[in-house]
Amino acid sequence: MARGMIRGMVRYKNRVPVRGAIIILERMVNVFNEQLKEEDWEGVYLGYTQTNMHGEFCFSVPDNTVTYRVKVFDNRHE
């Protein structure tokens, strides 16, 4: 199992960096949806961070062979 890194930058539409946005990292796992009787994907929370003054964030991930989802939350709405 090889470790990896997820890096990114968050900007508003006008290209201004989003400072202090909350970034959540989830590992995607395959689950069976009983109601729909089919396979589905579900996110498992791994951790969070905040963007720096340049809108950048970074996560170290334990396994670079699985799928991850990044969610961004910003309450400033510039």
C-alpha atoms as a PDB file:
ATOM      1  CA  MET A   1       0.000   0.000   0.000  1.00  0.00           C
ATOM      2  CA  ALA A   2       1.597   3.240  -1.159  1.00  0.00           C
ATOM      3  CA  ARG A   3       0.946   6.535   0.579  1.00  0.00           C
ATOM      4  CA  GLY A   4      -0.089   9.568  -1.400  1.00  0.00           C
ATOM      5  CA  MET A   5      -0.934  13.246  -1.184  1.00  0.00           C
ATOM      6  CA  ILE A   6      -3.964  15.273  -2.226  1.00  0.00           C
ATOM      7  CA  ARG A   7      -3.300  18.960  -2.815  1.00  0.00           C
ATOM      8  CA  GLY A   8      -5.556  21.664  -4.123  1.00  0.00           C
ATOM      9  CA  MET A   9      -6.480  25.309  -4.283  1.00  0.00           C
ATOM     10  CA  VAL A  10      -9.883  26.900  -3.765  1.00  0.00           C
ATOM     11  CA  ARG A  11     -10.768  30.167  -5.477  1.00  0.00           C
ATOM     12  CA  TYR A  12     -13.876  32.250  -5.969  1.00  0.00           C
ATOM     13  CA  LYS A  13     -15.206  32.852  -9.496  1.00  0.00           C
ATOM     14  CA  ASN A  14     -13.228  36.100  -9.609  1.00  0.00           C
ATOM     15  CA  ARG A  15     -10.024  34.028  -8.960  1.00  0.00           C
ATOM     16  CA  VAL A  16      -9.516  35.407  -5.409  1.00  0.00           C
ATOM     17  CA  PRO A  17      -8.230  32.652  -3.056  1.00  0.00           C
ATOM     18  CA  VAL A  18     -10.711  31.339  -0.479  1.00  0.00           C
ATOM     19  CA  ARG A  19      -9.049  31.751   2.918  1.00  0.00           C
ATOM     20  CA  GLY A  20     -10.128  29.603   5.861  1.00  0.00           C
ATOM     21  CA  ALA A  21     -12.502  27.326   3.928  1.00  0.00           C
ATOM     22  CA  ILE A  22     -13.155  23.976   5.603  1.00  0.00           C
ATOM     23  CA  ILE A  23     -11.963  21.034   3.498  1.00  0.00           C
ATOM     24  CA  ILE A  24     -13.257  17.550   4.383  1.00  0.00           C
ATOM     25  CA  LEU A  25     -11.623  14.360   3.109  1.00  0.00           C
ATOM     26  CA  GLU A  26     -13.612  11.141   2.663  1.00  0.00           C
ATOM     27  CA  ARG A  27     -12.603   7.683   1.426  1.00  0.00           C
ATOM     28  CA  MET A  28     -15.189   6.238  -0.942  1.00  0.00           C
ATOM     29  CA  VAL A  29     -16.366   2.689  -0.158  1.00  0.00           C
ATOM     30  CA  ASN A  30     -18.642   0.422  -2.158  1.00  0.00           C
ATOM     31  CA  VAL A  31     -21.871  -0.465  -0.325  1.00  0.00           C
ATOM     32  CA  PHE A  32     -25.036  -2.325  -1.263  1.00  0.00           C
ATOM     33  CA  ASN A  33     -28.173  -0.163  -1.206  1.00  0.00           C
ATOM     34  CA  GLU A  34     -30.939  -2.455   0.111  1.00  0.00           C
ATOM     35  CA  GLN A  35     -33.704  -0.071  -0.935  1.00  0.00           C
ATOM     36  CA  LEU A  36     -32.548   0.177  -4.553  1.00  0.00           C
ATOM     37  CA  LYS A  37     -31.069  -3.367  -4.624  1.00  0.00           C
ATOM     38  CA  GLU A  38     -27.873  -2.129  -6.262  1.00  0.00           C
ATOM     39  CA  GLU A  39     -24.283  -1.207  -5.520  1.00  0.00           C
ATOM     40  CA  ASP A  40     -23.621   2.376  -4.451  1.00  0.00           C
ATOM     41  CA  TRP A  41     -20.766   4.519  -3.096  1.00  0.00           C
ATOM     42  CA  GLU A  42     -20.563   6.049   0.363  1.00  0.00           C
ATOM     43  CA  GLY A  43     -18.016   8.458   1.848  1.00  0.00           C
ATOM     44  CA  VAL A  44     -16.226   7.589   5.091  1.00  0.00           C
ATOM     45  CA  TYR A  45     -14.902  10.634   6.967  1.00  0.00           C
ATOM     46  CA  LEU A  46     -11.103  10.708   7.300  1.00  0.00           C
ATOM     47  CA  GLY A  47     -10.371  14.245   8.475  1.00  0.00           C
ATOM     48  CA  TYR A  48     -10.466  17.930   7.729  1.00  0.00           C
ATOM     49  CA  THR A  49      -8.234  20.941   7.236  1.00  0.00           C
ATOM     50  CA  GLN A  50      -8.585  24.620   6.334  1.00  0.00           C
ATOM     51  CA  THR A  51      -7.268  26.530   3.360  1.00  0.00           C
ATOM     52  CA  ASN A  52      -4.346  28.872   3.971  1.00  0.00           C
ATOM     53  CA  MET A  53      -4.133  32.532   2.936  1.00  0.00           C
ATOM     54  CA  HIS A  54      -3.507  31.436  -0.671  1.00  0.00           C
ATOM     55  CA  GLY A  55      -6.548  29.124  -0.722  1.00  0.00           C
ATOM     56  CA  GLU A  56      -4.336  26.008  -0.661  1.00  0.00           C
ATOM     57  CA  PHE A  57      -4.899  22.749   1.206  1.00  0.00           C
ATOM     58  CA  CYS A  58      -3.097  19.423   1.503  1.00  0.00           C
ATOM     59  CA  PHE A  59      -3.864  15.928   2.844  1.00  0.00           C
ATOM     60  CA  SER A  60      -1.540  12.972   3.302  1.00  0.00           C
ATOM     61  CA  VAL A  61      -3.485   9.812   2.404  1.00  0.00           C
ATOM     62  CA  PRO A  62      -2.693   6.289   3.593  1.00  0.00           C
ATOM     63  CA  ASP A  63      -3.444   4.506   0.307  1.00  0.00           C
ATOM     64  CA  ASN A  64      -3.136   5.935  -3.197  1.00  0.00           C
ATOM     65  CA  THR A  65      -5.067   3.039  -4.762  1.00  0.00           C
ATOM     66  CA  VAL A  66      -8.518   3.987  -3.425  1.00  0.00           C
ATOM     67  CA  THR A  67     -10.925   6.782  -4.386  1.00  0.00           C
ATOM     68  CA  TYR A  68     -11.255   9.880  -2.206  1.00  0.00           C
ATOM     69  CA  ARG A  69     -13.783  12.723  -2.158  1.00  0.00           C
ATOM     70  CA  VAL A  70     -12.976  16.291  -1.137  1.00  0.00           C
ATOM     71  CA  LYS A  71     -15.767  18.567   0.115  1.00  0.00           C
ATOM     72  CA  VAL A  72     -15.348  22.342   0.414  1.00  0.00           C
ATOM     73  CA  PHE A  73     -17.316  24.569   2.790  1.00  0.00           C
ATOM     74  CA  ASP A  74     -16.988  28.348   2.845  1.00  0.00           C
ATOM     75  CA  ASN A  75     -19.145  30.680   4.938  1.00  0.00           C
ATOM     76  CA  ARG A  76     -17.655  33.950   3.734  1.00  0.00           C
ATOM     77  CA  HIS A  77     -19.270  33.958   0.251  1.00  0.00           C
ATOM     78  CA  GLU A  78     -17.185  36.629  -1.409  1.00  0.00           C
END
